Amino acid sequence: MHISEPADCAFPDVDLLTHHTKVAEDGILTGPKATGALTFCERKEYYKKLRAAVHEQYKPATIYQHILADRIAECIWRAERYASFEANALTLQIQRQWDHTNELVPKASPGVHALQAWLTMDPAQRKSLQEALKLEERYWRRHRALAAELRLIQRLHPN
């Protein structure tokens, strides 16, 4: 799944986004048309499918449960974004080093190409990639905490 639109996508109409999104008193965007976790070129239809799947799984009944379900969807989306950063960064570096790696190791395996890409990355690029991986893990931890909170609330306050 590619969460990003093609590079030639246009900037969104901010007025349309705010028109179709409910904003609570505390400023939290909620509702099926809220897409606060997306950049302008990410695929909103994929996010909406993800959000719908989360709501289908947890079946939130109260406003607070709906907010938690929305936050779970946002955490999954952001974690996937950081996973995409890793794949794209390594792919780009593998492409840059392809011929050189094949000179070093004829018929190199994908693992060798990935290792050589990692070893030849600029230190700043490598550090950025490591930070992105930390953020991915942080969002998965946050997802697990939100899911546990939602399940606990549903258990303590059944409808």
C-alpha atoms as a PDB file:
ATOM      1  CA  MET A   1       0.000   0.000   0.000  1.00  0.00           C
ATOM      2  CA  HIS A   2       1.321   3.435  -0.907  1.00  0.00           C
ATOM      3  CA  ILE A   3      -0.046   6.059   1.426  1.00  0.00           C
ATOM      4  CA  SER A   4       1.215   8.945  -0.707  1.00  0.00           C
ATOM      5  CA  GLU A   5      -0.302  10.467  -3.802  1.00  0.00           C
ATOM      6  CA  PRO A   6       1.752  10.949  -6.959  1.00  0.00           C
ATOM      7  CA  ALA A   7       4.269  13.804  -6.752  1.00  0.00           C
ATOM      8  CA  ASP A   8       2.128  16.089  -8.908  1.00  0.00           C
ATOM      9  CA  CYS A   9      -0.801  16.216  -6.460  1.00  0.00           C
ATOM     10  CA  ALA A  10      -2.237  19.642  -5.704  1.00  0.00           C
ATOM     11  CA  PHE A  11      -2.442  21.385  -2.340  1.00  0.00           C
ATOM     12  CA  PRO A  12      -5.761  20.789  -0.564  1.00  0.00           C
ATOM     13  CA  ASP A  13      -8.478  23.350  -0.200  1.00  0.00           C
ATOM     14  CA  VAL A  14      -8.207  24.066   3.513  1.00  0.00           C
ATOM     15  CA  ASP A  15     -11.667  25.630   3.600  1.00  0.00           C
ATOM     16  CA  LEU A  16     -13.234  22.366   2.380  1.00  0.00           C
ATOM     17  CA  LEU A  17     -11.344  20.372   5.016  1.00  0.00           C
ATOM     18  CA  THR A  18     -12.519  22.597   7.849  1.00  0.00           C
ATOM     19  CA  HIS A  19     -16.066  22.732   6.446  1.00  0.00           C
ATOM     20  CA  HIS A  20     -16.438  18.921   6.536  1.00  0.00           C
ATOM     21  CA  THR A  21     -14.695  18.322   9.854  1.00  0.00           C
ATOM     22  CA  LYS A  22     -16.137  18.731  13.323  1.00  0.00           C
ATOM     23  CA  VAL A  23     -13.860  20.558  15.733  1.00  0.00           C
ATOM     24  CA  ALA A  24     -14.550  19.965  19.403  1.00  0.00           C
ATOM     25  CA  GLU A  25     -14.241  22.747  21.947  1.00  0.00           C
ATOM     26  CA  ASP A  26     -10.716  21.597  22.811  1.00  0.00           C
ATOM     27  CA  GLY A  27      -9.659  21.770  19.153  1.00  0.00           C
ATOM     28  CA  ILE A  28      -9.521  18.001  18.558  1.00  0.00           C
ATOM     29  CA  LEU A  29     -10.581  17.042  15.056  1.00  0.00           C
ATOM     30  CA  THR A  30     -13.072  14.184  15.111  1.00  0.00           C
ATOM     31  CA  GLY A  31     -15.470  12.521  12.757  1.00  0.00           C
ATOM     32  CA  PRO A  32     -15.251  10.448   9.582  1.00  0.00           C
ATOM     33  CA  LYS A  33     -13.953  13.371   7.517  1.00  0.00           C
ATOM     34  CA  ALA A  34     -11.186  14.341   9.978  1.00  0.00           C
ATOM     35  CA  THR A  35      -7.804  13.748   8.387  1.00  0.00           C
ATOM     36  CA  GLY A  36      -5.504  15.603  10.744  1.00  0.00           C
ATOM     37  CA  ALA A  37      -2.854  12.865  10.557  1.00  0.00           C
ATOM     38  CA  LEU A  38      -2.367  13.218   6.797  1.00  0.00           C
ATOM     39  CA  THR A  39      -0.053  15.326   4.733  1.00  0.00           C
ATOM     40  CA  PHE A  40      -1.528  16.978   1.663  1.00  0.00           C
ATOM     41  CA  CYS A  41      -0.285  14.253  -0.708  1.00  0.00           C
ATOM     42  CA  GLU A  42      -1.226  11.157   1.297  1.00  0.00           C
ATOM     43  CA  ARG A  43      -4.168   9.094   0.146  1.00  0.00           C
ATOM     44  CA  LYS A  44      -7.190  10.158   2.155  1.00  0.00           C
ATOM     45  CA  GLU A  45      -9.235   7.195   0.924  1.00  0.00           C
ATOM     46  CA  TYR A  46      -6.709   4.780   2.508  1.00  0.00           C
ATOM     47  CA  TYR A  47      -6.836   6.678   5.781  1.00  0.00           C
ATOM     48  CA  LYS A  48     -10.635   6.630   5.737  1.00  0.00           C
ATOM     49  CA  LYS A  49     -10.603   2.850   5.130  1.00  0.00           C
ATOM     50  CA  LEU A  50      -8.168   2.392   8.008  1.00  0.00           C
ATOM     51  CA  ARG A  51     -10.309   4.578  10.278  1.00  0.00           C
ATOM     52  CA  ALA A  52     -13.448   2.676   9.288  1.00  0.00           C
ATOM     53  CA  ALA A  53     -11.716  -0.654  10.014  1.00  0.00           C
ATOM     54  CA  VAL A  54     -10.635   0.550  13.467  1.00  0.00           C
ATOM     55  CA  HIS A  55     -14.168   1.742  14.231  1.00  0.00           C
ATOM     56  CA  GLU A  56     -15.590  -1.549  12.963  1.00  0.00           C
ATOM     57  CA  GLN A  57     -13.247  -3.517  15.201  1.00  0.00           C
ATOM     58  CA  TYR A  58     -13.783  -1.508  18.388  1.00  0.00           C
ATOM     59  CA  LYS A  59     -17.371  -0.355  17.795  1.00  0.00           C
ATOM     60  CA  PRO A  60     -17.077   2.873  19.832  1.00  0.00           C
ATOM     61  CA  ALA A  61     -20.331   3.964  21.459  1.00  0.00           C
ATOM     62  CA  THR A  62     -19.546   7.257  23.207  1.00  0.00           C
ATOM     63  CA  ILE A  63     -17.826  10.408  21.973  1.00  0.00           C
ATOM     64  CA  TYR A  64     -14.749   9.611  24.053  1.00  0.00           C
ATOM     65  CA  GLN A  65     -14.605   6.086  22.605  1.00  0.00           C
ATOM     66  CA  HIS A  66     -14.873   7.563  19.104  1.00  0.00           C
ATOM     67  CA  ILE A  67     -11.970   9.915  19.864  1.00  0.00           C
ATOM     68  CA  LEU A  68      -9.880   6.992  21.143  1.00  0.00           C
ATOM     69  CA  ALA A  69     -10.687   4.979  18.022  1.00  0.00           C
ATOM     70  CA  ASP A  70      -9.694   7.952  15.847  1.00  0.00           C
ATOM     71  CA  ARG A  71      -6.412   8.257  17.769  1.00  0.00           C
ATOM     72  CA  ILE A  72      -5.740   4.542  17.263  1.00  0.00           C
ATOM     73  CA  ALA A  73      -6.210   4.989  13.500  1.00  0.00           C
ATOM     74  CA  GLU A  74      -3.883   8.008  13.544  1.00  0.00           C
ATOM     75  CA  CYS A  75      -1.208   6.062  15.431  1.00  0.00           C
ATOM     76  CA  ILE A  76      -1.373   3.204  12.937  1.00  0.00           C
ATOM     77  CA  TRP A  77      -1.181   5.684  10.040  1.00  0.00           C
ATOM     78  CA  ARG A  78       1.827   7.496  11.484  1.00  0.00           C
ATOM     79  CA  ALA A  79       3.646   4.258  12.326  1.00  0.00           C
ATOM     80  CA  GLU A  80       3.133   3.107   8.736  1.00  0.00           C
ATOM     81  CA  ARG A  81       4.448   6.458   7.493  1.00  0.00           C
ATOM     82  CA  TYR A  82       7.696   5.969   9.417  1.00  0.00           C
ATOM     83  CA  ALA A  83       7.980   2.401   8.125  1.00  0.00           C
ATOM     84  CA  SER A  84       7.600   3.869   4.637  1.00  0.00           C
ATOM     85  CA  PHE A  85      10.451   6.310   5.377  1.00  0.00           C
ATOM     86  CA  GLU A  86      12.731   3.368   6.130  1.00  0.00           C
ATOM     87  CA  ALA A  87      11.804   1.469   2.992  1.00  0.00           C
ATOM     88  CA  ASN A  88      12.132   4.530   0.768  1.00  0.00           C
ATOM     89  CA  ALA A  89      15.453   5.642   2.283  1.00  0.00           C
ATOM     90  CA  LEU A  90      16.979   2.186   1.896  1.00  0.00           C
ATOM     91  CA  THR A  91      15.588   1.777  -1.611  1.00  0.00           C
ATOM     92  CA  LEU A  92      17.099   5.070  -2.699  1.00  0.00           C
ATOM     93  CA  GLN A  93      20.494   4.208  -1.224  1.00  0.00           C
ATOM     94  CA  ILE A  94      20.400   0.671  -2.674  1.00  0.00           C
ATOM     95  CA  GLN A  95      19.759   2.182  -6.099  1.00  0.00           C
ATOM     96  CA  ARG A  96      22.666   4.604  -5.652  1.00  0.00           C
ATOM     97  CA  GLN A  97      25.034   1.794  -4.619  1.00  0.00           C
ATOM     98  CA  TRP A  98      23.725  -0.981  -6.886  1.00  0.00           C
ATOM     99  CA  ASP A  99      26.608  -1.160  -9.348  1.00  0.00           C
ATOM    100  CA  HIS A 100      29.263  -0.628  -6.675  1.00  0.00           C
ATOM    101  CA  THR A 101      27.780  -3.394  -4.497  1.00  0.00           C
ATOM    102  CA  ASN A 102      27.706  -5.795  -7.459  1.00  0.00           C
ATOM    103  CA  GLU A 103      31.379  -4.993  -8.107  1.00  0.00           C
ATOM    104  CA  LEU A 104      32.211  -5.835  -4.493  1.00  0.00           C
ATOM    105  CA  VAL A 105      29.995  -8.925  -4.356  1.00  0.00           C
ATOM    106  CA  PRO A 106      28.981 -10.344  -7.758  1.00  0.00           C
ATOM    107  CA  LYS A 107      25.294 -11.360  -7.782  1.00  0.00           C
ATOM    108  CA  ALA A 108      24.809  -9.827  -4.341  1.00  0.00           C
ATOM    109  CA  SER A 109      21.696 -10.875  -2.429  1.00  0.00           C
ATOM    110  CA  PRO A 110      19.075  -8.319  -1.369  1.00  0.00           C
ATOM    111  CA  GLY A 111      20.453  -8.486   2.163  1.00  0.00           C
ATOM    112  CA  VAL A 112      23.944  -7.587   0.968  1.00  0.00           C
ATOM    113  CA  HIS A 113      22.523  -4.681  -1.032  1.00  0.00           C
ATOM    114  CA  ALA A 114      20.620  -3.447   2.039  1.00  0.00           C
ATOM    115  CA  LEU A 115      23.691  -3.749   4.268  1.00  0.00           C
ATOM    116  CA  GLN A 116      25.895  -1.922   1.775  1.00  0.00           C
ATOM    117  CA  ALA A 117      23.237   0.782   1.484  1.00  0.00           C
ATOM    118  CA  TRP A 118      23.188   1.205   5.254  1.00  0.00           C
ATOM    119  CA  LEU A 119      26.986   1.281   5.508  1.00  0.00           C
ATOM    120  CA  THR A 120      27.345   3.875   2.748  1.00  0.00           C
ATOM    121  CA  MET A 121      24.624   6.229   3.972  1.00  0.00           C
ATOM    122  CA  ASP A 122      25.699   9.671   5.009  1.00  0.00           C
ATOM    123  CA  PRO A 123      25.862   9.762   8.847  1.00  0.00           C
ATOM    124  CA  ALA A 124      23.126  12.419   8.966  1.00  0.00           C
ATOM    125  CA  GLN A 125      20.881  10.249   6.776  1.00  0.00           C
ATOM    126  CA  ARG A 126      21.553   7.207   8.947  1.00  0.00           C
ATOM    127  CA  LYS A 127      20.764   9.215  12.102  1.00  0.00           C
ATOM    128  CA  SER A 128      17.524  10.523  10.562  1.00  0.00           C
ATOM    129  CA  LEU A 129      16.506   6.998   9.634  1.00  0.00           C
ATOM    130  CA  GLN A 130      17.237   5.768  13.169  1.00  0.00           C
ATOM    131  CA  GLU A 131      15.104   8.584  14.595  1.00  0.00           C
ATOM    132  CA  ALA A 132      12.260   7.704  12.223  1.00  0.00           C
ATOM    133  CA  LEU A 133      12.417   4.091  13.421  1.00  0.00           C
ATOM    134  CA  LYS A 134      12.204   5.287  17.037  1.00  0.00           C
ATOM    135  CA  LEU A 135       9.131   7.334  16.147  1.00  0.00           C
ATOM    136  CA  GLU A 136       7.561   4.313  14.447  1.00  0.00           C
ATOM    137  CA  GLU A 137       8.029   2.262  17.622  1.00  0.00           C
ATOM    138  CA  ARG A 138       6.688   5.128  19.759  1.00  0.00           C
ATOM    139  CA  TYR A 139       3.493   5.240  17.697  1.00  0.00           C
ATOM    140  CA  TRP A 140       3.021   1.472  17.979  1.00  0.00           C
ATOM    141  CA  ARG A 141       3.421   1.743  21.776  1.00  0.00           C
ATOM    142  CA  ARG A 142       0.911   4.601  21.832  1.00  0.00           C
ATOM    143  CA  HIS A 143      -1.463   2.517  19.700  1.00  0.00           C
ATOM    144  CA  ARG A 144      -1.284  -0.358  22.190  1.00  0.00           C
ATOM    145  CA  ALA A 145      -1.925   2.006  25.129  1.00  0.00           C
ATOM    146  CA  LEU A 146      -4.925   3.626  23.419  1.00  0.00           C
ATOM    147  CA  ALA A 147      -6.366   0.228  22.451  1.00  0.00           C
ATOM    148  CA  ALA A 148      -5.991  -1.008  26.035  1.00  0.00           C
ATOM    149  CA  GLU A 149      -7.676   2.151  27.359  1.00  0.00           C
ATOM    150  CA  LEU A 150     -10.564   1.811  24.901  1.00  0.00           C
ATOM    151  CA  ARG A 151     -11.089  -1.869  25.758  1.00  0.00           C
ATOM    152  CA  LEU A 152     -11.001  -1.051  29.497  1.00  0.00           C
ATOM    153  CA  ILE A 153     -13.568   1.736  29.127  1.00  0.00           C
ATOM    154  CA  GLN A 154     -15.822  -0.531  27.089  1.00  0.00           C
ATOM    155  CA  ARG A 155     -15.524  -3.255  29.714  1.00  0.00           C
ATOM    156  CA  LEU A 156     -16.216  -0.914  32.649  1.00  0.00           C
ATOM    157  CA  HIS A 157     -19.059   0.980  30.942  1.00  0.00           C
ATOM    158  CA  PRO A 158     -20.907  -1.412  28.628  1.00  0.00           C
ATOM    159  CA  ASN A 159     -23.861   0.035  26.735  1.00  0.00           C
END
